[in-house]
Amino acid sequence: MGKALGGPRGVVEAAIPTIGFTVSWIVGHQLRLSLVIGAGLAVVLLVVRLAQRSTVQFVLNSIFGIAIAAFFALRSGKAADAFLPGILYNAAYAAGMLLSIVVRWPVVGFLIGSVTGDPTAWHRDRDIVRLCSRLTWLLLIPCLVRVAVQYPLYLAGHVGWLGAAKVVLGWPLQVAALAAMVWLLARGRTPMETATGASKS
């Protein structure tokens, strides 16, 4: 699970550009400078990764996110708009996952289907569908929390608190959700075991 998130280093690297942007804005209230500092820190992290010949996937994801944030912020001239893409992203993910639960085709089921080799076999077992729905809720809740916390801060224009919320509710919350998923699977049979057994029979 830690490797999937880039380990402790990946978590820290994801937070550094946001921290740099937020602190710079609080100190100087200069949008362009703050964006340059956030992007510059991400580029430095990328260069270090390249020099060490380690994976750059997570840093590139961060740079891509900063580019989108900069587009929104520079277009409006408001620093708070740098956080709007993340809020919209989480809202869309939450809505999509909630819809998948309502129609009883939870997103996690398709992830399990990709592992077992049959994308839809899991759906024939009600117990698996129920478990996949619970697992999908565990992925959905962090998205809802982020939107519920960050959107009011965005409307109020509290850039400092937005930056803090993005860091605290980012990877740490995601790690907690994944840990809860592992705990839930460890309580009993896993859908992969059941789906595999069904496909062999």
C-alpha atoms as a PDB file:
ATOM      1  CA  MET A   1       0.000   0.000   0.000  1.00  0.00           C
ATOM      2  CA  GLY A   2       2.821   2.378   0.858  1.00  0.00           C
ATOM      3  CA  LYS A   3       4.581   1.709  -2.433  1.00  0.00           C
ATOM      4  CA  ALA A   4       1.385   2.461  -4.346  1.00  0.00           C
ATOM      5  CA  LEU A   5       1.380   5.939  -2.822  1.00  0.00           C
ATOM      6  CA  GLY A   6       5.082   6.490  -3.352  1.00  0.00           C
ATOM      7  CA  GLY A   7       6.022   5.674   0.238  1.00  0.00           C
ATOM      8  CA  PRO A   8       6.768   8.339   2.850  1.00  0.00           C
ATOM      9  CA  ARG A   9       8.919  10.195   0.349  1.00  0.00           C
ATOM     10  CA  GLY A  10       6.107  10.372  -2.184  1.00  0.00           C
ATOM     11  CA  VAL A  11       3.727  11.706   0.466  1.00  0.00           C
ATOM     12  CA  VAL A  12       6.193  14.446   1.430  1.00  0.00           C
ATOM     13  CA  GLU A  13       6.919  15.332  -2.193  1.00  0.00           C
ATOM     14  CA  ALA A  14       3.211  15.715  -2.898  1.00  0.00           C
ATOM     15  CA  ALA A  15       2.884  18.200  -0.027  1.00  0.00           C
ATOM     16  CA  ILE A  16       5.978  20.366  -0.614  1.00  0.00           C
ATOM     17  CA  PRO A  17       4.738  22.356  -3.661  1.00  0.00           C
ATOM     18  CA  THR A  18       1.423  23.107  -1.941  1.00  0.00           C
ATOM     19  CA  ILE A  19       3.211  24.219   1.204  1.00  0.00           C
ATOM     20  CA  GLY A  20       5.568  26.411  -0.833  1.00  0.00           C
ATOM     21  CA  PHE A  21       2.713  28.058  -2.715  1.00  0.00           C
ATOM     22  CA  THR A  22       0.637  28.622   0.425  1.00  0.00           C
ATOM     23  CA  VAL A  23       3.443  30.031   2.560  1.00  0.00           C
ATOM     24  CA  SER A  24       4.576  32.322  -0.255  1.00  0.00           C
ATOM     25  CA  TRP A  25       1.051  33.649  -0.699  1.00  0.00           C
ATOM     26  CA  ILE A  26       0.583  34.254   3.024  1.00  0.00           C
ATOM     27  CA  VAL A  27       3.875  36.149   3.210  1.00  0.00           C
ATOM     28  CA  GLY A  28       3.719  38.210   0.019  1.00  0.00           C
ATOM     29  CA  HIS A  29       0.229  37.915  -1.507  1.00  0.00           C
ATOM     30  CA  GLN A  30       1.815  37.719  -4.963  1.00  0.00           C
ATOM     31  CA  LEU A  31       0.030  35.113  -7.030  1.00  0.00           C
ATOM     32  CA  ARG A  32       2.521  34.671  -9.847  1.00  0.00           C
ATOM     33  CA  LEU A  33       5.487  34.461  -7.472  1.00  0.00           C
ATOM     34  CA  SER A  34       3.676  31.940  -5.303  1.00  0.00           C
ATOM     35  CA  LEU A  35       2.863  29.776  -8.325  1.00  0.00           C
ATOM     36  CA  VAL A  36       6.465  29.984  -9.527  1.00  0.00           C
ATOM     37  CA  ILE A  37       7.727  28.914  -6.102  1.00  0.00           C
ATOM     38  CA  GLY A  38       5.316  25.973  -5.952  1.00  0.00           C
ATOM     39  CA  ALA A  39       6.220  24.877  -9.483  1.00  0.00           C
ATOM     40  CA  GLY A  40       9.918  25.483  -8.858  1.00  0.00           C
ATOM     41  CA  LEU A  41       9.908  23.221  -5.815  1.00  0.00           C
ATOM     42  CA  ALA A  42       8.237  20.497  -7.873  1.00  0.00           C
ATOM     43  CA  VAL A  43      10.891  20.853 -10.592  1.00  0.00           C
ATOM     44  CA  VAL A  44      13.654  20.604  -7.989  1.00  0.00           C
ATOM     45  CA  LEU A  45      12.094  17.398  -6.679  1.00  0.00           C
ATOM     46  CA  LEU A  46      11.949  16.086 -10.249  1.00  0.00           C
ATOM     47  CA  VAL A  47      15.619  16.887 -10.851  1.00  0.00           C
ATOM     48  CA  VAL A  48      16.590  15.112  -7.623  1.00  0.00           C
ATOM     49  CA  ARG A  49      14.599  12.063  -8.675  1.00  0.00           C
ATOM     50  CA  LEU A  50      16.247  12.041 -12.090  1.00  0.00           C
ATOM     51  CA  ALA A  51      19.695  12.415 -10.561  1.00  0.00           C
ATOM     52  CA  GLN A  52      19.001   9.466  -8.277  1.00  0.00           C
ATOM     53  CA  ARG A  53      17.483   7.487 -11.165  1.00  0.00           C
ATOM     54  CA  SER A  54      14.363   6.762  -9.153  1.00  0.00           C
ATOM     55  CA  THR A  55      10.769   6.808 -10.345  1.00  0.00           C
ATOM     56  CA  VAL A  56       9.431  10.237 -11.268  1.00  0.00           C
ATOM     57  CA  GLN A  57       5.768   9.219 -11.552  1.00  0.00           C
ATOM     58  CA  PHE A  58       4.580  10.914  -8.375  1.00  0.00           C
ATOM     59  CA  VAL A  59       6.520  14.120  -8.978  1.00  0.00           C
ATOM     60  CA  LEU A  60       5.169  14.324 -12.528  1.00  0.00           C
ATOM     61  CA  ASN A  61       1.653  13.927 -11.147  1.00  0.00           C
ATOM     62  CA  SER A  62       2.358  16.842  -8.810  1.00  0.00           C
ATOM     63  CA  ILE A  63       3.680  19.004 -11.655  1.00  0.00           C
ATOM     64  CA  PHE A  64       0.609  18.215 -13.743  1.00  0.00           C
ATOM     65  CA  GLY A  65      -1.618  19.215 -10.822  1.00  0.00           C
ATOM     66  CA  ILE A  66       0.279  22.467 -10.332  1.00  0.00           C
ATOM     67  CA  ALA A  67      -0.082  23.313 -14.033  1.00  0.00           C
ATOM     68  CA  ILE A  68      -3.862  22.925 -13.843  1.00  0.00           C
ATOM     69  CA  ALA A  69      -4.009  24.902 -10.592  1.00  0.00           C
ATOM     70  CA  ALA A  70      -1.949  27.699 -12.143  1.00  0.00           C
ATOM     71  CA  PHE A  71      -4.265  27.844 -15.146  1.00  0.00           C
ATOM     72  CA  PHE A  72      -7.321  28.340 -12.938  1.00  0.00           C
ATOM     73  CA  ALA A  73      -5.623  30.844 -10.626  1.00  0.00           C
ATOM     74  CA  LEU A  74      -4.044  32.960 -13.361  1.00  0.00           C
ATOM     75  CA  ARG A  75      -7.263  33.051 -15.347  1.00  0.00           C
ATOM     76  CA  SER A  76      -9.201  34.550 -12.432  1.00  0.00           C
ATOM     77  CA  GLY A  77      -6.356  36.279 -10.600  1.00  0.00           C
ATOM     78  CA  LYS A  78      -7.468  34.674  -7.325  1.00  0.00           C
ATOM     79  CA  ALA A  79      -5.094  32.500  -5.322  1.00  0.00           C
ATOM     80  CA  ALA A  80      -7.989  30.455  -3.922  1.00  0.00           C
ATOM     81  CA  ASP A  81      -8.787  29.261  -7.455  1.00  0.00           C
ATOM     82  CA  ALA A  82      -5.563  27.256  -7.424  1.00  0.00           C
ATOM     83  CA  PHE A  83      -7.418  24.842  -5.153  1.00  0.00           C
ATOM     84  CA  LEU A  84     -10.622  24.731  -7.212  1.00  0.00           C
ATOM     85  CA  PRO A  85      -9.510  21.930  -9.587  1.00  0.00           C
ATOM     86  CA  GLY A  86      -8.839  19.645  -6.629  1.00  0.00           C
ATOM     87  CA  ILE A  87     -12.248  20.387  -5.133  1.00  0.00           C
ATOM     88  CA  LEU A  88     -13.980  19.710  -8.463  1.00  0.00           C
ATOM     89  CA  TYR A  89     -11.928  16.533  -8.949  1.00  0.00           C
ATOM     90  CA  ASN A  90     -12.956  15.151  -5.562  1.00  0.00           C
ATOM     91  CA  ALA A  91     -16.587  16.154  -6.069  1.00  0.00           C
ATOM     92  CA  ALA A  92     -16.688  14.359  -9.437  1.00  0.00           C
ATOM     93  CA  TYR A  93     -15.046  11.240  -8.016  1.00  0.00           C
ATOM     94  CA  ALA A  94     -17.443  11.198  -5.070  1.00  0.00           C
ATOM     95  CA  ALA A  95     -20.452  11.587  -7.367  1.00  0.00           C
ATOM     96  CA  GLY A  96     -19.242   8.831  -9.698  1.00  0.00           C
ATOM     97  CA  MET A  97     -18.557   6.378  -6.892  1.00  0.00           C
ATOM     98  CA  LEU A  98     -21.867   7.172  -5.184  1.00  0.00           C
ATOM     99  CA  LEU A  99     -23.716   6.527  -8.436  1.00  0.00           C
ATOM    100  CA  SER A 100     -21.911   3.204  -8.845  1.00  0.00           C
ATOM    101  CA  ILE A 101     -23.069   2.178  -5.353  1.00  0.00           C
ATOM    102  CA  VAL A 102     -26.668   3.261  -5.985  1.00  0.00           C
ATOM    103  CA  VAL A 103     -26.922   1.221  -9.199  1.00  0.00           C
ATOM    104  CA  ARG A 104     -25.201  -1.705  -7.423  1.00  0.00           C
ATOM    105  CA  TRP A 105     -22.168  -1.750  -9.680  1.00  0.00           C
ATOM    106  CA  PRO A 106     -19.613  -0.379  -7.178  1.00  0.00           C
ATOM    107  CA  VAL A 107     -16.327   0.830  -8.608  1.00  0.00           C
ATOM    108  CA  VAL A 108     -14.199  -1.471  -6.451  1.00  0.00           C
ATOM    109  CA  GLY A 109     -15.879  -4.472  -8.063  1.00  0.00           C
ATOM    110  CA  PHE A 110     -14.357  -3.598 -11.414  1.00  0.00           C
ATOM    111  CA  LEU A 111     -10.939  -3.275  -9.790  1.00  0.00           C
ATOM    112  CA  ILE A 112     -11.357  -6.762  -8.368  1.00  0.00           C
ATOM    113  CA  GLY A 113     -12.630  -8.015 -11.713  1.00  0.00           C
ATOM    114  CA  SER A 114      -9.475  -6.760 -13.388  1.00  0.00           C
ATOM    115  CA  VAL A 115      -7.439  -8.876 -10.963  1.00  0.00           C
ATOM    116  CA  THR A 116      -9.495 -12.049 -11.375  1.00  0.00           C
ATOM    117  CA  GLY A 117      -9.595 -11.739 -15.166  1.00  0.00           C
ATOM    118  CA  ASP A 118     -13.387 -11.421 -15.450  1.00  0.00           C
ATOM    119  CA  PRO A 119     -14.592  -7.798 -15.137  1.00  0.00           C
ATOM    120  CA  THR A 120     -18.200  -8.695 -14.205  1.00  0.00           C
ATOM    121  CA  ALA A 121     -18.187 -12.168 -12.590  1.00  0.00           C
ATOM    122  CA  TRP A 122     -18.120 -10.632  -9.101  1.00  0.00           C
ATOM    123  CA  HIS A 123     -21.531  -9.040  -9.714  1.00  0.00           C
ATOM    124  CA  ARG A 124     -23.275 -12.428  -9.678  1.00  0.00           C
ATOM    125  CA  ASP A 125     -22.604 -12.809  -5.949  1.00  0.00           C
ATOM    126  CA  ARG A 126     -24.687 -10.507  -3.731  1.00  0.00           C
ATOM    127  CA  ASP A 127     -22.227 -10.833  -0.843  1.00  0.00           C
ATOM    128  CA  ILE A 128     -19.403  -9.647  -3.063  1.00  0.00           C
ATOM    129  CA  VAL A 129     -21.489  -6.746  -4.362  1.00  0.00           C
ATOM    130  CA  ARG A 130     -22.279  -5.755  -0.779  1.00  0.00           C
ATOM    131  CA  LEU A 131     -18.619  -5.945   0.235  1.00  0.00           C
ATOM    132  CA  CYS A 132     -17.526  -3.994  -2.854  1.00  0.00           C
ATOM    133  CA  SER A 133     -20.081  -1.316  -1.996  1.00  0.00           C
ATOM    134  CA  ARG A 134     -18.584  -0.973   1.480  1.00  0.00           C
ATOM    135  CA  LEU A 135     -15.087  -0.769   0.035  1.00  0.00           C
ATOM    136  CA  THR A 136     -16.228   1.860  -2.449  1.00  0.00           C
ATOM    137  CA  TRP A 137     -17.706   3.886   0.418  1.00  0.00           C
ATOM    138  CA  LEU A 138     -14.272   3.857   2.053  1.00  0.00           C
ATOM    139  CA  LEU A 139     -12.814   5.399  -1.108  1.00  0.00           C
ATOM    140  CA  LEU A 140     -15.703   7.832  -1.443  1.00  0.00           C
ATOM    141  CA  ILE A 141     -15.652   9.227   2.108  1.00  0.00           C
ATOM    142  CA  PRO A 142     -12.224  10.956   1.815  1.00  0.00           C
ATOM    143  CA  CYS A 143     -13.444  12.741  -1.327  1.00  0.00           C
ATOM    144  CA  LEU A 144     -16.583  13.911   0.472  1.00  0.00           C
ATOM    145  CA  VAL A 145     -14.558  15.099   3.463  1.00  0.00           C
ATOM    146  CA  ARG A 146     -12.221  17.105   1.250  1.00  0.00           C
ATOM    147  CA  VAL A 147     -15.099  18.807  -0.532  1.00  0.00           C
ATOM    148  CA  ALA A 148     -17.005  19.447   2.708  1.00  0.00           C
ATOM    149  CA  VAL A 149     -13.956  21.062   4.329  1.00  0.00           C
ATOM    150  CA  GLN A 150     -12.332  22.831   1.402  1.00  0.00           C
ATOM    151  CA  TYR A 151     -15.330  24.231  -0.463  1.00  0.00           C
ATOM    152  CA  PRO A 152     -16.453  26.559   2.364  1.00  0.00           C
ATOM    153  CA  LEU A 153     -12.836  27.696   2.751  1.00  0.00           C
ATOM    154  CA  TYR A 154     -12.690  28.325  -0.996  1.00  0.00           C
ATOM    155  CA  LEU A 155     -15.862  30.405  -0.912  1.00  0.00           C
ATOM    156  CA  ALA A 156     -14.415  32.428   1.972  1.00  0.00           C
ATOM    157  CA  GLY A 157     -11.085  32.872   0.148  1.00  0.00           C
ATOM    158  CA  HIS A 158      -9.012  31.461   3.017  1.00  0.00           C
ATOM    159  CA  VAL A 159      -5.918  30.456   1.036  1.00  0.00           C
ATOM    160  CA  GLY A 160      -3.824  29.576   4.080  1.00  0.00           C
ATOM    161  CA  TRP A 161      -6.436  27.217   5.475  1.00  0.00           C
ATOM    162  CA  LEU A 162      -7.030  25.765   2.025  1.00  0.00           C
ATOM    163  CA  GLY A 163      -3.354  24.886   1.739  1.00  0.00           C
ATOM    164  CA  ALA A 164      -3.325  23.305   5.193  1.00  0.00           C
ATOM    165  CA  ALA A 165      -6.501  21.354   4.475  1.00  0.00           C
ATOM    166  CA  LYS A 166      -5.151  20.069   1.162  1.00  0.00           C
ATOM    167  CA  VAL A 167      -2.010  18.734   2.832  1.00  0.00           C
ATOM    168  CA  VAL A 168      -3.751  17.198   5.850  1.00  0.00           C
ATOM    169  CA  LEU A 169      -6.642  15.750   3.854  1.00  0.00           C
ATOM    170  CA  GLY A 170      -4.462  14.548   0.994  1.00  0.00           C
ATOM    171  CA  TRP A 171      -2.344  11.410   1.230  1.00  0.00           C
ATOM    172  CA  PRO A 172      -2.749  10.991   5.025  1.00  0.00           C
ATOM    173  CA  LEU A 173      -6.514  10.638   4.598  1.00  0.00           C
ATOM    174  CA  GLN A 174      -6.055   8.370   1.582  1.00  0.00           C
ATOM    175  CA  VAL A 175      -3.693   6.111   3.528  1.00  0.00           C
ATOM    176  CA  ALA A 176      -6.269   5.896   6.329  1.00  0.00           C
ATOM    177  CA  ALA A 177      -8.974   4.922   3.822  1.00  0.00           C
ATOM    178  CA  LEU A 178      -6.809   2.215   2.258  1.00  0.00           C
ATOM    179  CA  ALA A 179      -5.882   0.905   5.711  1.00  0.00           C
ATOM    180  CA  ALA A 180      -9.598   0.675   6.527  1.00  0.00           C
ATOM    181  CA  MET A 181     -10.149  -1.273   3.302  1.00  0.00           C
ATOM    182  CA  VAL A 182      -7.400  -3.731   4.230  1.00  0.00           C
ATOM    183  CA  TRP A 183      -8.931  -4.142   7.692  1.00  0.00           C
ATOM    184  CA  LEU A 184     -12.372  -4.797   6.216  1.00  0.00           C
ATOM    185  CA  LEU A 185     -11.009  -7.413   3.827  1.00  0.00           C
ATOM    186  CA  ALA A 186      -9.055  -9.058   6.645  1.00  0.00           C
ATOM    187  CA  ARG A 187     -12.261  -9.610   8.647  1.00  0.00           C
ATOM    188  CA  GLY A 188     -13.522 -12.399   6.418  1.00  0.00           C
ATOM    189  CA  ARG A 189     -13.550 -13.798   2.924  1.00  0.00           C
ATOM    190  CA  THR A 190     -12.279 -11.534   0.199  1.00  0.00           C
ATOM    191  CA  PRO A 191     -14.145 -10.949  -3.064  1.00  0.00           C
ATOM    192  CA  MET A 192     -11.084 -12.052  -5.014  1.00  0.00           C
ATOM    193  CA  GLU A 193     -11.155 -15.459  -3.357  1.00  0.00           C
ATOM    194  CA  THR A 194     -14.867 -15.858  -3.995  1.00  0.00           C
ATOM    195  CA  ALA A 195     -14.736 -14.599  -7.559  1.00  0.00           C
ATOM    196  CA  THR A 196     -11.791 -16.872  -8.339  1.00  0.00           C
ATOM    197  CA  GLY A 197     -13.607 -19.851  -6.891  1.00  0.00           C
ATOM    198  CA  ALA A 198     -16.726 -19.041  -8.901  1.00  0.00           C
ATOM    199  CA  SER A 199     -14.801 -18.728 -12.141  1.00  0.00           C
ATOM    200  CA  LYS A 200     -13.173 -22.151 -11.633  1.00  0.00           C
ATOM    201  CA  SER A 201     -16.445 -23.972 -10.903  1.00  0.00           C
END
